[in-house]
Amino acid sequence: MSDPKNDLRPLPNGDCPDGEDLILTLELDDGTILECSVLTIFPVDGRQYIALLPEGADEEDGDIYFYRYQETPEGEPVLSSIETDEEFDAVLDRYDEILDEAEYDQLVAADGEDE
């Protein structure tokens, strides 16, 4: 996975209207510019991580980018690479748990509507 070159930069007016995705620009080491939707920010073992989906990519196909996530004192997001296979595996495991929890919540909500 490439390191983000210029970290994560929100698009102008980082406010996100309800129901719309937060879109961020990511520049990779090779100069590739990706517009990405933020899927989620989540903790694993005391660190924060971010899951990004490049525009036009399919979440089902596994085109998700994972990075460590921090914010500067001014609130600017900063990304760094996940350093080890063990760390990456832990992040993927937690992300899978988040997806499973969301799917369960949708099933419970749908079941409650049927009653």
Protein backbone atom coordinates (compact mmCIF):
# COMPACT_ATOMS: atom_id res chain seq x y z
CA MET A 1 0.00 0.00 0.00
CA SER A 2 1.36 3.42 -0.91
CA ASP A 3 2.01 6.06 1.68
CA PRO A 4 -0.09 9.17 1.34
CA LYS A 5 2.28 11.88 0.07
CA ASN A 6 0.45 14.95 1.25
CA ASP A 7 -1.67 13.25 3.85
CA LEU A 8 -5.40 13.73 3.66
CA ARG A 9 -6.87 17.01 2.52
CA PRO A 10 -10.57 17.72 2.81
CA LEU A 11 -12.16 19.38 -0.18
CA PRO A 12 -13.13 23.05 0.24
CA ASN A 13 -15.91 23.54 2.75
CA GLY A 14 -15.35 20.28 4.59
CA ASP A 15 -18.93 20.41 5.87
CA CYS A 16 -20.94 17.52 4.57
CA PRO A 17 -24.67 17.93 3.90
CA ASP A 18 -26.83 15.24 5.46
CA GLY A 19 -27.01 12.11 3.36
CA GLU A 20 -23.93 12.89 1.30
CA ASP A 21 -20.53 11.24 1.53
CA LEU A 22 -17.54 13.09 2.88
CA ILE A 23 -15.14 13.21 -0.08
CA LEU A 24 -11.42 13.62 0.48
CA THR A 25 -8.49 13.98 -1.90
CA LEU A 26 -5.63 11.55 -1.43
CA GLU A 27 -2.27 11.89 -3.19
CA LEU A 28 -0.22 8.70 -3.26
CA ASP A 29 3.59 8.51 -3.39
CA ASP A 30 3.49 7.86 -7.14
CA GLY A 31 1.59 11.12 -7.68
CA THR A 32 -1.76 9.45 -8.27
CA ILE A 33 -4.63 11.64 -7.09
CA LEU A 34 -7.69 9.82 -5.76
CA GLU A 35 -10.99 11.29 -4.71
CA CYS A 36 -12.19 9.04 -1.89
CA SER A 37 -15.30 8.66 0.20
CA VAL A 38 -14.70 8.23 3.91
CA LEU A 39 -16.38 4.97 4.88
CA THR A 40 -15.57 5.16 8.57
CA ILE A 41 -13.01 6.14 11.19
CA PHE A 42 -12.59 3.54 13.91
CA PRO A 43 -10.30 2.58 16.81
CA VAL A 44 -8.08 -0.50 17.04
CA ASP A 45 -5.74 -1.06 19.99
CA GLY A 46 -5.66 2.60 21.02
CA ARG A 47 -5.11 4.03 17.52
CA GLN A 48 -7.56 5.52 15.05
CA TYR A 49 -7.86 4.22 11.48
CA ILE A 50 -9.70 5.44 8.42
CA ALA A 51 -11.28 3.42 5.61
CA LEU A 52 -11.37 5.20 2.24
CA LEU A 53 -13.16 4.11 -0.93
CA PRO A 54 -11.86 5.65 -4.17
CA GLU A 55 -14.58 7.27 -6.30
CA GLY A 56 -15.90 4.80 -8.84
CA ALA A 57 -14.56 1.80 -6.91
CA ASP A 58 -16.76 -0.94 -5.55
CA GLU A 59 -16.67 -1.63 -1.82
CA GLU A 60 -17.65 -5.23 -2.53
CA ASP A 61 -14.51 -5.76 -4.65
CA GLY A 62 -12.15 -4.79 -1.82
CA ASP A 63 -10.85 -1.51 -3.28
CA ILE A 64 -10.69 0.06 0.18
CA TYR A 65 -7.65 1.96 1.47
CA PHE A 66 -6.84 1.75 5.18
CA TYR A 67 -4.55 4.21 6.99
CA ARG A 68 -3.74 5.29 10.50
CA TYR A 69 -5.67 8.46 11.24
CA GLN A 70 -4.84 11.41 13.47
CA GLU A 71 -5.76 15.07 13.63
CA THR A 72 -3.45 18.02 14.18
CA PRO A 73 -4.25 20.44 17.02
CA GLU A 74 -5.94 22.57 14.33
CA GLY A 75 -8.21 19.65 13.40
CA GLU A 76 -6.51 18.81 10.10
CA PRO A 77 -6.51 15.09 9.31
CA VAL A 78 -3.16 13.31 8.97
CA LEU A 79 -2.68 9.81 7.57
CA SER A 80 0.18 7.40 7.96
CA SER A 81 0.76 3.90 6.66
CA ILE A 82 -0.06 0.77 8.56
CA GLU A 83 3.37 -0.62 9.36
CA THR A 84 3.05 -4.37 9.89
CA ASP A 85 1.02 -7.28 8.60
CA GLU A 86 -0.23 -7.91 12.14
CA GLU A 87 -1.48 -4.34 12.47
CA PHE A 88 -3.13 -4.53 9.04
CA ASP A 89 -4.81 -7.84 9.95
CA ALA A 90 -6.15 -6.31 13.18
CA VAL A 91 -7.53 -3.34 11.24
CA LEU A 92 -9.20 -5.61 8.67
CA ASP A 93 -10.68 -7.78 11.43
CA ARG A 94 -12.17 -4.73 13.16
CA TYR A 95 -13.51 -3.34 9.88
CA ASP A 96 -15.19 -6.69 9.17
CA GLU A 97 -16.74 -6.57 12.66
CA ILE A 98 -18.07 -3.06 11.94
CA LEU A 99 -19.65 -4.30 8.70
CA ASP A 100 -21.17 -7.29 10.51
CA GLU A 101 -22.57 -5.02 13.25
CA ALA A 102 -24.10 -2.68 10.65
CA GLU A 103 -25.66 -5.60 8.78
CA TYR A 104 -27.10 -6.96 12.05
CA ASP A 105 -28.51 -3.55 12.96
CA GLN A 106 -30.19 -3.30 9.54
CA LEU A 107 -31.71 -6.76 9.96
CA VAL A 108 -33.04 -5.92 13.43
CA ALA A 109 -34.45 -2.61 12.19
CA ALA A 110 -36.12 -4.30 9.21
CA ASP A 111 -37.52 -7.01 11.48
CA GLY A 112 -38.95 -4.35 13.79
CA GLU A 113 -40.70 -2.67 10.85
CA ASP A 114 -42.37 -5.96 9.91
CA GLU A 115 -44.11 -6.24 13.28
